Protein backbone atom coordinates (compact mmCIF):
# COMPACT_ATOMS: atom_id res chain seq x y z
CA MET A 1 3.18 149.31 146.84
CA ASP A 2 4.35 147.76 143.58
CA ASN A 3 2.06 145.86 141.20
CA ALA A 4 2.76 142.51 142.84
CA ALA A 5 1.89 143.84 146.31
CA LEU A 6 -1.31 145.48 145.05
CA ALA A 7 -2.38 142.30 143.25
CA GLU A 8 -1.64 140.22 146.35
CA ALA A 9 -3.76 142.56 148.50
CA LEU A 10 -6.64 142.38 146.01
CA LEU A 11 -6.44 138.58 145.99
CA THR A 12 -6.48 138.55 149.80
CA VAL A 13 -9.73 140.55 149.73
CA ALA A 14 -11.13 138.12 147.14
CA GLU A 15 -10.15 135.11 149.27
CA ALA A 16 -11.70 136.62 152.38
CA LEU A 17 -14.95 137.40 150.58
CA ASP A 18 -14.99 133.87 149.16
CA PHE A 19 -14.42 132.25 152.55
CA LEU A 20 -17.05 134.43 154.22
CA GLU A 21 -19.46 133.75 151.31
CA GLU A 22 -20.50 137.38 151.25
CA ASN A 23 -20.75 138.11 147.54
CA PRO A 24 -19.33 135.70 144.95
CA PHE A 25 -19.54 138.31 142.19
CA LYS A 26 -17.61 140.81 144.29
CA ALA A 27 -14.92 138.21 145.03
CA LYS A 28 -14.57 137.49 141.31
CA ALA A 29 -14.32 141.23 140.60
CA TYR A 30 -11.36 141.50 142.98
CA GLN A 31 -9.73 138.46 141.35
CA LYS A 32 -10.19 140.06 137.93
CA ALA A 33 -8.75 143.35 139.16
CA ALA A 34 -5.72 141.52 140.57
CA ARG A 35 -5.10 139.90 137.16
CA SER A 36 -5.40 143.31 135.48
CA ILE A 37 -2.82 144.80 137.84
CA MET A 38 -0.44 141.87 137.21
CA GLU A 39 -0.80 142.30 133.44
CA MET A 40 0.06 146.01 133.47
CA GLY A 41 3.35 146.94 131.89
CA ALA A 42 3.63 150.14 133.94
CA PRO A 43 3.48 150.77 137.71
CA ALA A 44 -0.18 150.88 138.75
CA ARG A 45 0.80 153.19 141.60
CA ASP A 46 1.56 156.04 139.18
CA ILE A 47 -1.86 155.78 137.54
CA ILE A 48 -3.62 155.53 140.91
CA GLU A 49 -1.84 158.64 142.20
CA HIS A 50 -1.91 160.81 139.08
CA GLY A 51 -4.51 159.35 136.73
CA ASP A 52 -7.62 157.19 136.56
CA ILE A 53 -7.00 153.51 137.31
CA THR A 54 -10.54 152.65 136.18
CA THR A 55 -9.38 153.16 132.58
CA VAL A 56 -7.59 149.83 132.99
CA ALA A 57 -9.81 146.96 131.83
CA GLY A 58 -11.10 144.88 134.73
CA ILE A 59 -10.99 147.63 137.35
CA GLY A 60 -14.29 149.32 138.18
CA SER A 61 -15.02 152.44 140.19
CA SER A 62 -15.52 150.61 143.50
CA ILE A 63 -12.20 148.76 143.37
CA GLY A 64 -10.54 151.87 141.94
CA SER A 65 -11.58 153.74 145.09
CA VAL A 66 -10.16 150.96 147.26
CA LEU A 67 -6.83 151.11 145.42
CA LYS A 68 -6.69 154.88 145.86
CA THR A 69 -7.39 154.47 149.57
CA TRP A 70 -4.49 152.03 149.85
CA VAL A 71 -1.94 153.91 147.76
CA VAL A 72 -2.77 157.56 148.44
CA ASP A 73 -4.32 157.51 151.91
CA ARG A 74 -2.36 154.51 153.22
CA ASP A 75 -5.66 153.30 154.69
CA PHE A 76 -5.86 149.50 154.82
CA SER A 77 -8.92 149.24 157.05
CA LEU A 78 -10.85 147.14 154.50
CA LEU A 79 -8.05 144.58 154.42
CA THR A 80 -7.57 144.68 158.18
CA ASP A 81 -11.29 144.28 158.91
CA LEU A 82 -11.67 141.33 156.53
CA LYS A 83 -8.59 139.59 157.96
CA ALA A 84 -10.02 140.02 161.46
CA ARG A 85 -13.14 138.11 160.44
CA LEU A 86 -11.17 135.11 159.19
CA PRO A 87 -10.07 132.23 161.44
CA HIS A 88 -6.89 133.37 163.20
CA GLY A 89 -4.83 130.66 161.50
CA TYR A 90 -6.44 130.99 158.07
CA PHE A 91 -3.34 132.07 156.16
CA GLU A 92 -1.38 129.10 157.48
CA MET A 93 -4.25 126.67 156.86
CA ILE A 94 -4.49 127.58 153.17
CA LYS A 95 -0.88 126.41 152.76
CA VAL A 96 -1.96 122.80 153.43
CA PRO A 97 -2.05 121.05 150.01
CA GLY A 98 -5.49 119.73 149.14
CA LEU A 99 -7.27 121.97 151.63
CA GLY A 100 -9.39 124.16 149.37
CA MET A 101 -11.85 126.88 150.31
CA LYS A 102 -14.83 124.53 150.54
CA LYS A 103 -13.07 122.14 152.91
CA LEU A 104 -11.73 125.04 154.97
CA ARG A 105 -15.26 126.34 155.50
CA THR A 106 -16.47 122.86 156.43
CA LEU A 107 -13.72 122.39 159.01
CA HIS A 108 -14.31 125.82 160.51
CA ARG A 109 -18.10 125.64 160.66
CA GLU A 110 -18.66 122.01 161.59
CA LEU A 111 -15.63 121.42 163.83
CA GLY A 112 -14.67 124.96 164.83
CA LEU A 113 -11.12 124.56 163.52
CA SER A 114 -9.20 127.83 163.19
CA SER A 115 -5.56 126.78 162.79
CA VAL A 116 -3.31 123.98 161.59
CA ASP A 117 -2.75 123.04 165.24
CA ASP A 118 -6.51 122.62 165.62
CA LEU A 119 -6.54 120.56 162.43
CA LEU A 120 -3.74 118.26 163.60
CA ALA A 121 -5.53 117.68 166.91
CA ALA A 122 -8.81 116.95 165.10
CA ILE A 123 -7.10 114.44 162.80
CA ASP A 124 -5.43 112.68 165.71
CA ASP A 125 -8.71 112.64 167.66
CA GLY A 126 -10.53 111.06 164.72
CA ARG A 127 -12.95 113.99 164.32
CA LEU A 128 -12.46 114.16 160.55
CA ALA A 129 -13.48 110.53 160.05
CA GLY A 130 -16.80 110.36 158.26
CA LEU A 131 -16.83 114.05 157.43
CA LYS A 132 -18.11 114.61 153.89
CA GLY A 133 -15.25 115.07 151.43
CA PHE A 134 -12.57 113.56 153.70
CA SER A 135 -11.48 109.99 152.92
CA ASP A 136 -9.23 107.94 155.20
CA LYS A 137 -6.42 108.08 152.62
CA GLY A 138 -6.91 111.82 152.17
CA ILE A 139 -6.85 112.42 155.92
CA ALA A 140 -3.58 110.49 156.27
CA ARG A 141 -2.05 112.53 153.45
CA MET A 142 -3.37 115.74 155.01
CA ARG A 143 -1.74 114.88 158.33
CA ARG A 144 1.67 114.63 156.66
CA SER A 145 1.07 117.97 154.96
CA VAL A 146 -0.02 119.62 158.22
CA LEU A 147 3.17 118.46 159.92
CA ASP A 148 5.15 119.93 157.02
CA VAL A 149 3.38 123.29 157.33
CA ILE A 150 4.07 123.37 161.07
CA GLY A 151 7.72 122.61 160.34
CA TYR A 152 7.88 125.55 157.91
CA ARG A 153 7.09 128.07 160.63
CA GLY A 154 9.74 130.73 161.01
CA TRP A 155 11.15 130.17 157.51
CA TYR A 156 10.88 132.54 154.56
CA LEU A 157 11.45 132.24 150.82
CA LEU A 158 14.57 133.83 149.38
CA ASP A 159 12.71 136.52 147.41
CA ALA A 160 10.75 137.70 150.45
CA ALA A 161 13.87 137.73 152.62
CA TRP A 162 15.95 139.59 150.03
CA SER A 163 13.19 142.14 149.45
CA TRP A 164 12.90 142.91 153.17
CA MET A 165 16.70 142.91 153.55
CA GLU A 166 17.06 145.42 150.72
CA THR A 167 14.37 147.61 152.28
CA MET A 168 16.17 147.59 155.63
CA ILE A 169 19.58 148.29 154.06
CA GLU A 170 18.10 151.22 152.12
CA SER A 171 16.50 152.62 155.28
CA LEU A 172 19.71 152.30 157.30
CA SER A 173 21.84 153.70 154.46
CA ASP A 174 19.51 156.69 154.10
CA ALA A 175 20.25 157.38 157.77
CA GLY A 176 23.94 157.69 156.90
CA LEU A 177 24.97 154.21 158.07
CA SER A 178 27.37 151.79 156.34
CA VAL A 179 25.63 148.41 156.20
CA LEU A 180 26.61 145.03 154.75
CA PRO A 181 24.49 141.86 154.41
CA THR A 182 25.91 138.66 155.85
CA GLY A 183 24.86 135.14 156.86
CA VAL A 184 22.49 132.90 154.91
CA CYS A 185 20.92 135.85 153.08
CA ARG A 186 24.29 136.80 151.65
CA ARG A 187 24.89 133.18 150.66
CA GLY A 188 21.51 133.02 148.91
CA MET A 189 20.02 129.95 150.56
CA GLU A 190 16.62 128.83 149.23
CA VAL A 191 14.85 129.47 152.52
CA ILE A 192 15.86 131.94 155.19
CA GLU A 193 15.31 131.94 158.95
CA GLY A 194 16.68 135.40 159.61
CA ILE A 195 18.43 138.39 158.05
CA GLU A 196 21.82 139.42 159.44
CA LEU A 197 23.40 142.80 158.79
CA LEU A 198 26.73 144.29 159.84
CA CYS A 199 26.76 148.01 160.59
CA LEU A 200 29.87 150.15 160.96
CA ASP A 201 29.98 151.43 164.53
CA ARG A 202 30.78 155.14 164.58
CA ASP A 203 29.45 158.29 166.26
CA GLY A 204 25.66 158.33 166.28
CA ALA A 205 25.33 154.89 164.68
CA HIS A 206 23.56 153.27 167.63
CA ASP A 207 20.96 156.03 167.81
CA ALA A 208 20.38 155.86 164.04
CA VAL A 209 19.87 152.07 164.11
CA GLN A 210 17.46 152.33 167.02
CA SER A 211 15.51 155.04 165.23
CA CYS A 212 15.28 153.11 161.93
CA LEU A 213 14.27 149.79 163.48
CA GLY A 214 12.02 151.37 166.05
CA ASP A 215 10.05 153.27 163.39
CA VAL A 216 9.00 150.16 161.40
CA PRO A 217 5.17 149.98 161.59
CA GLY A 218 4.04 146.80 163.33
CA GLY A 219 7.60 145.85 164.25
CA ARG A 220 8.98 144.89 167.66
CA PHE A 221 12.46 146.26 168.33
CA SER A 222 14.96 145.08 170.97
CA ARG A 223 18.62 145.50 171.90
CA ASP A 224 21.10 142.95 173.22
CA GLY A 225 24.49 144.49 173.91
CA SER A 226 26.00 145.55 170.59
CA SER A 227 23.27 144.03 168.43
CA TYR A 228 19.72 145.04 167.57
CA SER A 229 16.78 142.87 166.52
CA LEU A 230 13.56 143.59 164.66
CA HIS A 231 10.64 141.18 164.66
CA HIS A 232 7.61 141.76 162.46
CA PRO A 233 4.62 139.39 162.21
CA GLU A 234 4.79 139.30 158.40
CA LYS A 235 8.51 139.77 157.71
CA THR A 236 11.79 137.92 158.08
CA PRO A 237 13.45 138.68 161.46
CA VAL A 238 16.36 141.13 161.22
CA LYS A 239 19.49 141.30 163.36
CA VAL A 240 21.96 144.18 163.10
CA TRP A 241 25.46 143.70 164.53
CA MET A 242 27.51 146.81 165.30
CA GLU A 243 31.16 146.38 164.29
CA ALA A 244 34.24 148.57 164.70
CA GLU A 245 35.97 149.55 161.47
CA GLU A 246 38.99 147.29 162.09
CA SER A 247 36.80 144.24 162.72
CA LEU A 248 34.22 144.78 159.95
CA VAL A 249 35.94 142.64 157.29
CA PRO A 250 36.88 139.77 159.65
CA ALA A 251 33.32 139.79 161.03
CA LEU A 252 31.94 139.65 157.48
CA PHE A 253 34.17 136.65 156.72
CA VAL A 254 33.26 134.80 159.93
CA THR A 255 29.50 135.40 159.72
CA THR A 256 29.01 134.75 155.99
CA GLY A 257 30.14 131.13 155.54
CA SER A 258 28.27 128.12 156.83
CA PRO A 259 29.58 126.64 160.11
CA SER A 260 31.33 123.83 158.23
CA HIS A 261 32.93 126.26 155.75
CA LEU A 262 34.21 128.37 158.62
CA GLU A 263 35.53 125.30 160.43
CA GLN A 264 37.45 124.24 157.32
CA ALA A 265 38.84 127.77 156.91
CA LEU A 266 40.01 127.93 160.52
CA MET A 267 41.68 124.51 160.25
CA LEU A 268 43.48 125.60 157.09
CA GLY A 269 44.54 128.79 158.86
CA GLU A 270 45.98 126.86 161.81
CA ARG A 271 48.24 124.90 159.47
CA ARG A 272 49.56 128.18 158.03
CA GLY A 273 49.86 130.02 161.34
CA VAL A 274 46.90 132.26 160.52
CA ARG A 275 44.22 132.96 163.09
CA VAL A 276 40.91 134.44 161.98
CA SER A 277 38.29 135.61 164.46
CA ARG A 278 35.45 138.06 164.44
CA GLN A 279 37.74 140.62 166.04
CA GLY A 280 40.60 140.41 163.54
CA VAL A 281 43.27 138.43 161.68
CA SER A 282 46.76 137.57 162.88
CA HIS A 283 49.74 135.60 161.57
CA SER A 284 52.09 134.01 164.08
CA GLY A 285 50.74 136.40 166.71
CA THR A 286 51.12 139.55 164.61
CA VAL A 287 47.92 141.43 163.76
CA ILE A 288 47.40 141.62 160.00
CA PRO A 289 45.19 144.44 158.65
CA VAL A 290 42.87 143.26 155.87
CA LYS A 291 41.00 145.49 153.45
CA ASP A 292 38.61 142.83 152.14
CA GLU A 293 37.79 139.12 152.34
CA ALA A 294 40.11 138.37 149.42
CA ASP A 295 43.01 139.29 151.71
CA ILE A 296 41.86 136.69 154.25
CA TYR A 297 41.54 133.96 151.62
CA ALA A 298 45.00 134.87 150.30
CA LEU A 299 46.45 134.38 153.79
CA LEU A 300 44.82 130.93 153.74
CA GLY A 301 46.45 130.21 150.38
CA MET A 302 43.10 130.25 148.61
CA PRO A 303 41.45 132.30 145.88
CA TYR A 304 38.51 134.49 146.88
CA LEU A 305 35.41 132.32 147.28
CA PRO A 306 32.13 134.11 146.43
CA PRO A 307 29.64 134.13 149.33
CA GLU A 308 27.16 131.81 147.63
CA VAL A 309 29.60 128.88 147.41
CA ARG A 310 30.67 128.94 151.07
CA GLU A 311 28.70 125.89 152.17
CA GLY A 312 31.46 123.66 153.55
CA ARG A 313 31.86 121.17 150.70
CA ASP A 314 35.21 119.55 149.96
CA MET A 315 35.15 120.93 146.41
CA GLU A 316 35.44 124.47 147.81
CA TRP A 317 38.98 123.74 149.00
CA LYS A 318 40.28 121.50 146.21
CA PRO A 319 43.37 122.55 144.25
CA GLY A 320 42.35 124.20 141.00
CA VAL A 321 39.07 125.54 142.37
CA ASP A 322 40.10 129.00 141.12
CA GLY A 323 39.72 127.68 137.56
CA MET A 324 36.08 126.86 138.27
CA LEU A 325 35.34 130.10 140.11
CA GLY A 326 36.33 132.27 137.17
CA GLY A 327 33.73 130.61 134.97
CA LEU A 328 30.76 130.67 137.35
CA VAL A 329 27.68 131.89 135.53
CA THR A 330 26.68 135.53 135.96
CA ARG A 331 23.70 137.59 134.84
CA GLY A 332 25.88 139.17 132.19
CA ASP A 333 26.55 135.75 130.65
CA LEU A 334 22.88 135.07 129.89
CA ARG A 335 21.98 135.65 126.23
CA GLY A 336 18.44 134.29 126.38
CA ILE A 337 15.75 132.73 128.55
CA LEU A 338 13.38 129.78 128.27
CA HIS A 339 10.17 128.64 129.97
CA VAL A 340 8.12 131.79 129.54
CA HIS A 341 4.31 131.73 129.65
CA THR A 342 1.84 134.09 127.97
CA SER A 343 -1.84 134.89 128.39
CA MET A 344 -2.62 132.12 125.91
CA SER A 345 -2.33 129.72 128.88
CA ASP A 346 -1.97 130.88 132.49
CA GLY A 347 0.34 133.84 131.92
CA HIS A 348 -0.81 137.39 132.61
CA ALA A 349 0.61 139.17 129.58
CA PRO A 350 0.36 138.67 125.81
CA LEU A 351 3.25 137.34 123.74
CA LYS A 352 4.28 140.80 122.50
CA ASP A 353 4.62 142.13 126.06
CA MET A 354 6.75 139.19 127.19
CA VAL A 355 9.00 139.61 124.15
CA ARG A 356 9.31 143.35 124.76
CA ALA A 357 10.20 142.72 128.40
CA ALA A 358 12.97 140.30 127.36
CA LYS A 359 14.37 142.86 124.91
CA ASP A 360 14.25 145.59 127.56
CA ARG A 361 16.36 143.37 129.83
CA GLY A 362 19.05 142.95 127.20
CA TYR A 363 18.35 139.38 126.08
CA CYS A 364 18.93 138.31 122.49
CA TRP A 365 16.38 135.51 122.43
CA ILE A 366 13.43 134.08 124.32
CA GLY A 367 11.77 130.66 124.39
CA ILE A 368 7.97 130.69 124.75
CA SER A 369 6.50 127.59 126.40
CA ASP A 370 2.87 127.79 127.43
CA HIS A 371 1.12 124.85 129.07
CA SER A 372 0.09 121.85 126.99
CA ARG A 373 -3.49 120.72 126.41
CA ASN A 374 -3.61 118.24 129.32
CA ALA A 375 -3.10 121.16 131.74
CA TYR A 376 -6.71 122.29 131.34
CA TYR A 377 -6.53 123.98 134.77
CA ALA A 378 -3.85 126.30 133.37
CA GLY A 379 -5.51 127.01 130.02
CA GLY A 380 -3.37 124.49 128.18
CA LEU A 381 -3.06 125.03 124.43
CA SER A 382 -4.98 122.93 121.94
CA VAL A 383 -3.24 121.93 118.72
CA LYS A 384 -5.09 124.77 117.02
CA ASP A 385 -3.94 127.26 119.69
CA LEU A 386 -0.36 126.05 119.35
CA LYS A 387 -0.46 126.56 115.59
CA ARG A 388 -1.90 130.07 116.00
CA GLN A 389 0.80 130.99 118.51
CA GLY A 390 3.47 129.65 116.17
CA GLU A 391 2.20 131.87 113.37
CA GLU A 392 2.30 134.90 115.67
CA ILE A 393 5.88 134.04 116.65
CA ASP A 394 6.88 133.70 112.99
CA ALA A 395 5.44 137.15 112.28
CA LEU A 396 7.30 138.74 115.19
CA ASN A 397 10.55 137.08 114.12
CA ARG A 398 10.13 138.60 110.65
CA GLU A 399 9.54 142.04 112.17
CA ASP A 400 12.80 141.98 114.15
CA PRO A 401 15.46 139.64 112.72
CA GLY A 402 17.87 140.81 115.43
CA PHE A 403 15.86 139.13 118.17
CA THR A 404 14.85 135.46 118.09
CA ILE A 405 11.69 133.95 119.56
CA LEU A 406 11.81 130.17 119.90
CA LYS A 407 8.58 128.18 119.63
CA GLY A 408 8.13 125.74 122.49
CA ILE A 409 5.70 124.11 124.88
CA GLU A 410 5.75 123.02 128.48
CA SER A 411 4.38 119.56 127.88
CA ASP A 412 2.89 117.58 130.71
CA ILE A 413 4.61 114.27 131.30
CA LEU A 414 1.63 111.95 131.43
CA PRO A 415 1.50 109.14 134.04
CA ASP A 416 2.89 106.62 131.56
CA GLY A 417 5.82 108.90 130.65
CA SER A 418 4.50 109.97 127.26
CA LEU A 419 4.22 113.61 126.21
CA ASP A 420 1.04 115.56 125.63
CA TYR A 421 1.04 115.89 121.82
CA PRO A 422 1.75 113.47 118.99
CA ASP A 423 5.18 113.50 117.37
CA ASN A 424 3.99 115.29 114.23
CA ILE A 425 3.04 118.29 116.41
CA LEU A 426 6.13 118.24 118.65
CA LYS A 427 8.52 118.17 115.70
CA GLN A 428 7.21 121.56 114.55
CA LEU A 429 8.55 123.19 117.73
CA ASP A 430 12.02 124.50 118.53
CA PHE A 431 12.07 122.99 122.01
CA VAL A 432 9.97 121.03 124.51
CA VAL A 433 10.09 121.43 128.29
CA ALA A 434 8.69 118.19 129.73
CA SER A 435 7.27 118.58 133.25
CA VAL A 436 5.34 116.56 135.82
CA HIS A 437 2.20 118.40 136.93
CA SER A 438 -0.07 115.58 138.08
CA HIS A 439 -0.07 112.16 139.78
CA MET A 440 2.77 113.25 142.05
CA ASP A 441 2.08 110.56 144.63
CA MET A 442 3.53 107.74 142.49
CA ASP A 443 6.08 105.51 144.19
CA ARG A 444 9.79 106.08 143.61
CA ASP A 445 10.29 103.39 140.96
CA ALA A 446 7.18 104.37 139.00
CA MET A 447 8.00 108.09 139.04
CA THR A 448 11.60 107.42 138.03
CA GLU A 449 10.50 105.25 135.12
CA ARG A 450 7.94 107.89 134.11
CA ILE A 451 10.53 110.67 133.90
CA VAL A 452 13.19 108.47 132.31
CA ARG A 453 10.71 107.51 129.59
CA ALA A 454 10.02 111.19 128.95
CA ILE A 455 13.77 111.83 128.71
CA ARG A 456 14.05 109.11 126.08
CA ASN A 457 11.39 110.77 123.94
CA PRO A 458 13.40 112.26 121.05
CA PHE A 459 11.40 115.50 121.22
CA THR A 460 12.19 116.27 124.87
CA SER A 461 14.68 119.14 125.13
CA MET A 462 14.71 119.46 128.91
CA ILE A 463 12.98 118.32 132.09
CA GLY A 464 11.18 121.14 133.91
CA HIS A 465 11.38 121.57 137.71
CA PRO A 466 12.83 118.05 138.00
CA THR A 467 11.85 117.21 141.61
CA GLY A 468 8.49 119.00 141.70
CA ARG A 469 9.14 120.66 145.03
CA LEU A 470 7.42 123.85 146.17
CA LEU A 471 9.55 125.35 148.92
CA LEU A 472 7.74 125.72 152.25
CA SER A 473 4.68 124.20 150.63
CA ARG A 474 5.18 120.79 148.98
CA ARG A 475 7.81 118.10 149.28
CA PRO A 476 9.63 116.80 146.20
CA TYR A 477 8.03 113.72 144.72
CA GLU A 478 9.73 110.40 145.26
CA VAL A 479 12.21 109.94 142.42
CA ASP A 480 15.71 108.53 141.90
CA MET A 481 17.46 111.71 140.78
CA ASP A 482 20.72 109.85 140.22
CA ALA A 483 19.00 107.72 137.57
CA VAL A 484 17.27 110.76 136.08
CA MET A 485 20.52 112.74 135.83
CA GLU A 486 22.39 109.79 134.36
CA GLU A 487 19.78 109.24 131.65
CA ALA A 488 19.42 112.96 130.89
CA ALA A 489 23.18 113.33 130.44
CA ARG A 490 23.31 110.20 128.28
CA GLN A 491 20.46 111.40 126.05
CA GLY A 492 21.65 115.01 125.82
CA VAL A 493 18.54 116.31 127.59
CA SER A 494 19.03 119.41 129.73
CA LEU A 495 17.64 119.83 133.21
CA GLU A 496 15.91 123.00 134.24
CA LEU A 497 16.96 125.14 137.15
CA ASN A 498 13.56 126.69 137.69
CA ALA A 499 14.30 130.15 139.08
CA HIS A 500 10.87 130.80 140.55
CA PRO A 501 11.56 131.44 144.26
CA MET A 502 8.99 128.83 145.29
CA ARG A 503 10.84 126.16 143.29
CA LEU A 504 14.59 126.80 142.77
CA ASP A 505 14.59 123.31 141.33
CA LEU A 506 17.03 121.63 140.39
CA ASP A 507 18.44 121.64 143.91
CA TRP A 508 21.92 123.24 143.89
CA ARG A 509 23.34 120.25 145.75
CA LEU A 510 22.69 118.09 142.67
CA ILE A 511 24.18 120.44 140.08
CA PRO A 512 27.85 119.34 140.38
CA SER A 513 26.88 115.70 139.92
CA PHE A 514 24.84 116.42 136.79
CA VAL A 515 27.46 118.68 135.22
CA SER A 516 30.21 116.15 135.96
CA ARG A 517 28.29 113.68 133.78
CA GLY A 518 28.34 116.15 130.90
CA GLY A 519 24.86 117.54 131.52
CA ARG A 520 23.72 121.09 130.81
CA LEU A 521 21.22 123.23 132.68
CA ALA A 522 18.90 126.06 131.72
CA ILE A 523 18.16 128.81 134.25
CA ASN A 524 14.48 129.40 133.54
CA PRO A 525 12.28 132.06 135.17
CA ASP A 526 9.01 130.16 134.61
CA ALA A 527 7.69 133.68 134.08
CA HIS A 528 3.97 134.43 133.91
CA THR A 529 4.39 138.24 133.88
CA PRO A 530 7.00 140.61 132.44
CA ASP A 531 8.40 141.21 135.93
CA GLY A 532 8.60 137.44 136.39
CA LEU A 533 11.56 137.43 134.00
CA ASP A 534 13.57 139.01 136.81
CA ASP A 535 13.34 135.81 138.87
CA VAL A 536 16.48 134.69 137.06
CA ARG A 537 18.39 136.55 139.81
CA TYR A 538 17.40 133.80 142.25
CA GLY A 539 18.25 131.10 139.72
CA ILE A 540 21.69 132.58 139.16
CA VAL A 541 22.64 132.57 142.84
CA ILE A 542 21.42 128.96 143.14
CA ALA A 543 23.33 128.00 139.99
CA ARG A 544 26.51 129.54 141.37
CA LYS A 545 26.02 127.64 144.65
CA GLY A 546 26.12 124.52 142.50
CA PHE A 547 29.32 125.69 140.74
CA LEU A 548 27.49 126.01 137.40
CA THR A 549 29.72 127.57 134.76
CA SER A 550 28.59 129.45 131.69
CA ARG A 551 29.86 126.58 129.52
CA ALA A 552 27.27 124.23 131.04
CA CYS A 553 24.38 126.70 130.80
CA ILE A 554 22.03 126.77 127.80
CA ASN A 555 21.13 130.42 128.43
CA CYS A 556 24.69 131.50 127.66
CA LEU A 557 24.50 130.33 124.05
CA ASP A 558 23.60 132.61 121.17
CA ALA A 559 20.17 132.10 119.61
CA ARG A 560 21.30 129.92 116.71
CA THR A 561 23.45 127.64 118.88
CA ALA A 562 20.77 127.39 121.56
CA LYS A 563 18.17 126.43 118.97
CA GLU A 564 20.47 123.76 117.54
CA ALA A 565 21.30 122.40 121.00
CA LEU A 566 17.66 122.19 122.05
CA ALA A 567 16.56 120.45 118.87
CA ALA A 568 19.69 118.34 118.29
CA ARG A 569 18.00 114.99 118.99
CA TRP A 570 15.34 115.30 116.30
CA SER A 571 16.72 117.87 113.82
């Protein structure tokens, strides 16, 4: 288990203890231990196995023993027993926005509700009416949220799907199999319904696949002809297709692109006498051997299209698309990163650790932007705190002139569109990320005017997570993104592509429109831990889906140019 998995397990114990009202101090101890694990710069597993984890602040002997039981003994009985005492649908119910622990307990104890299906039935039957803490307006809003949660069933976030896919590929590869990812996972869609893998069919391959999939603890394995499926109650479903060597590349081509992309490719092939199927490629009836997908695109008269762009848009097939493809942003293009939190607000690591993590990853600069004072729930910085952080940044910049730390803030956009500090404070910063964090139920016109007003503020450098969506959790707020993009491009304000896997916001479908207006984006990890910096990998695949080039990406600038670009409107 890595640090994130250990922290998640500790938080699950804390949540269960809180819901069961067994020992509030014990629940808080588990929460504190989870924070300590998240803040560690080294793998906790190594210390648990070979040292004394109780030397880490916030982890006592009791929780230290639990961690050792999990990591060394692989004994999760504590977690299993606590989960068994929760309502069977608890972990789905807590996804309903506005349904906190207190309300969950009320619904379970007074109405016997144990799942979102129970909750929907109770709302429709009128059983929540008059219940303390539940207004008519709140119940109506809750019903919409419950329907959303039900609609999210069977879908998984990109990071969870990729993590499980990589685990399965590693397991199959260790068994001597040649395996390739395909389908929506290979394209890097924001949410995933299933993982598809292609496996080279050779002697012993079927037995090896059956052994690997059949040995997954808690998994349910099945076979259907030449394919194998694995279903796990907590993981993305996996399907493995067995392919002969001569059909592996054609099958990869056919199964990677979206249905509309494939349809366009087949139509283009027909006009050129090229037929592409899962079994192979032919030209005017003659079988054509292909060594990779680039060969297939060449037969179609097209440059190689990376998997992430194969979504069936007209722009994928336009003349001159090869000029765009060569400039698509890559991880190697990124010189620096913005929107990084520290333990001064709701981050889990001090400034020095976040800076060190950025250096270790090869960046040349970093932009620190903790929460502003209005975000009291996230430890927002007072003016005094902001000044103190700025002094610490100045000192670190003097220590290492070869690495630049930019002073910023993630300022709340207040309901009237103003920012969270007066101008004389904002002008002391290198950049300002302006974000909506409250009053998200405003109507479309009001929300649009709110964000447009923030864009017009001369101290706004960029708009953070522009639509406010939380994938598989919260809908975007009502806003006219066309108006927002138009004004941002006009004012020279960047838009964020928030790379956190729960956001991936700006939506990739909007990127071409914004860039065509002259707008620039920043791929920001919204990192709260050192490992959170690595979320840029999800932002990059989403950026590439939107045909974002390095020229239109703030991160690809050197420190001096980035600083000038971010402060251009008030410098």
